[in-house]
Amino acid sequence: MQHVREDPRRADRLVGSDERFDRIGFAMELLRVLRPPLTIAVYERRHDLRVDQSRLLGPSSAWAMLGIPPHASRERIALAVAELAGVARVPFAVDLLVRAGRTSET
């Protein structure tokens, strides 16, 4: 059995952030990198980050909607995109996505 030790600071970063950055642009860049096998609409949302997903008509017509609020952290956005792409459980995937997003903005 594998024991995973969660960084307590990470939980805080998933809640929200006052950092100024283009959240929609960040999500779109991550989607370009990961290329999940479904159609995803990204939109601004007033409150909590939200992911709606459906495969009603089969895998070839899978879709999702990703609503991003103005206080979403990079980590939370990266986790949501990684989950949609099926790589959220890959070790270090979310951390690499966050770091890659920071370097592409500079």
Protein backbone atom coordinates (compact mmCIF):
# COMPACT_ATOMS: atom_id res chain seq x y z
CA MET A 1 0.00 0.00 0.00
CA GLN A 2 1.35 3.39 -0.98
CA HIS A 3 1.14 6.24 1.49
CA VAL A 4 0.80 9.72 0.01
CA ARG A 5 1.65 12.66 2.21
CA GLU A 6 -0.34 15.72 1.27
CA ASP A 7 1.36 19.10 1.49
CA PRO A 8 -0.92 21.19 3.79
CA ARG A 9 0.01 24.33 1.83
CA ARG A 10 -1.36 22.74 -1.34
CA ALA A 11 -4.88 22.56 0.08
CA ASP A 12 -4.75 26.33 0.63
CA ARG A 13 -3.64 26.89 -2.98
CA LEU A 14 -6.59 24.86 -4.25
CA VAL A 15 -9.10 27.08 -2.45
CA GLY A 16 -8.38 30.37 -4.19
CA SER A 17 -5.82 32.97 -5.15
CA ASP A 18 -5.44 36.73 -5.33
CA GLU A 19 -2.68 36.36 -7.94
CA ARG A 20 -3.32 38.42 -11.08
CA PHE A 21 -3.15 36.38 -14.28
CA ASP A 22 -5.33 35.47 -17.26
CA ARG A 23 -7.16 32.46 -15.87
CA ILE A 24 -9.03 31.65 -19.08
CA GLY A 25 -5.82 31.97 -21.10
CA PHE A 26 -3.99 29.74 -18.61
CA ALA A 27 -6.67 27.05 -18.93
CA MET A 28 -6.63 27.29 -22.72
CA GLU A 29 -2.83 26.90 -22.79
CA LEU A 30 -3.04 23.79 -20.60
CA LEU A 31 -5.72 22.36 -22.90
CA ARG A 32 -3.45 22.97 -25.92
CA VAL A 33 -0.63 21.10 -24.16
CA LEU A 34 -2.69 18.15 -22.89
CA ARG A 35 -5.15 17.79 -25.78
CA PRO A 36 -7.88 15.91 -23.90
CA PRO A 37 -10.01 13.58 -26.06
CA LEU A 38 -13.18 15.66 -25.75
CA THR A 39 -14.58 19.04 -26.70
CA ILE A 40 -14.24 21.56 -23.86
CA ALA A 41 -15.89 24.96 -23.51
CA VAL A 42 -14.11 27.31 -21.08
CA TYR A 43 -16.04 30.23 -19.63
CA GLU A 44 -15.85 32.82 -16.86
CA ARG A 45 -17.91 32.02 -13.81
CA ARG A 46 -18.78 34.20 -10.86
CA HIS A 47 -18.30 31.69 -8.06
CA ASP A 48 -16.64 28.29 -7.53
CA LEU A 49 -14.77 26.51 -10.29
CA ARG A 50 -17.13 24.08 -11.98
CA VAL A 51 -16.68 21.17 -14.37
CA ASP A 52 -19.64 19.62 -16.19
CA GLN A 53 -18.97 16.60 -18.36
CA SER A 54 -21.03 14.21 -20.48
CA ARG A 55 -20.53 11.21 -22.74
CA LEU A 56 -24.19 10.62 -23.53
CA LEU A 57 -23.65 9.87 -27.21
CA GLY A 58 -20.41 7.89 -26.86
CA PRO A 59 -16.69 8.63 -26.52
CA SER A 60 -16.40 10.40 -29.88
CA SER A 61 -18.95 13.01 -28.80
CA ALA A 62 -17.71 13.58 -25.25
CA TRP A 63 -17.81 17.16 -24.04
CA ALA A 64 -17.14 19.24 -20.95
CA MET A 65 -17.64 22.78 -19.72
CA LEU A 66 -15.06 24.38 -17.43
CA GLY A 67 -16.25 27.45 -15.51
CA ILE A 68 -13.43 29.48 -13.98
CA PRO A 69 -14.07 32.15 -11.33
CA PRO A 70 -11.88 35.25 -10.90
CA HIS A 71 -10.26 33.87 -7.72
CA ALA A 72 -9.32 30.37 -8.99
CA SER A 73 -5.72 29.41 -8.29
CA ARG A 74 -3.36 28.10 -10.94
CA GLU A 75 -3.25 24.81 -9.05
CA ARG A 76 -7.04 24.41 -9.08
CA ILE A 77 -7.28 25.22 -12.78
CA ALA A 78 -4.41 22.84 -13.60
CA LEU A 79 -6.03 20.08 -11.52
CA ALA A 80 -9.38 20.50 -13.31
CA VAL A 81 -7.74 20.40 -16.75
CA ALA A 82 -5.57 17.42 -15.76
CA GLU A 83 -8.68 15.56 -14.56
CA LEU A 84 -10.42 16.23 -17.89
CA ALA A 85 -7.34 14.95 -19.74
CA GLY A 86 -7.08 11.88 -17.51
CA VAL A 87 -3.63 12.70 -16.11
CA ALA A 88 -4.49 14.07 -12.66
CA ARG A 89 -3.12 10.93 -10.99
CA VAL A 90 0.16 11.02 -12.88
CA PRO A 91 2.84 11.95 -10.33
CA PHE A 92 3.83 15.61 -10.56
CA ALA A 93 1.56 16.29 -13.57
CA VAL A 94 -0.34 19.15 -11.94
CA ASP A 95 2.83 20.73 -10.54
CA LEU A 96 4.49 20.58 -13.96
CA LEU A 97 1.45 22.17 -15.60
CA VAL A 98 1.44 25.02 -13.08
CA ARG A 99 5.17 25.65 -13.56
CA ALA A 100 4.88 25.48 -17.35
CA GLY A 101 2.05 28.02 -17.27
CA ARG A 102 4.11 30.43 -15.19
CA THR A 103 7.12 30.29 -17.52
CA SER A 104 5.03 30.76 -20.67
CA GLU A 105 3.64 34.05 -19.32
CA THR A 106 7.05 35.62 -18.76
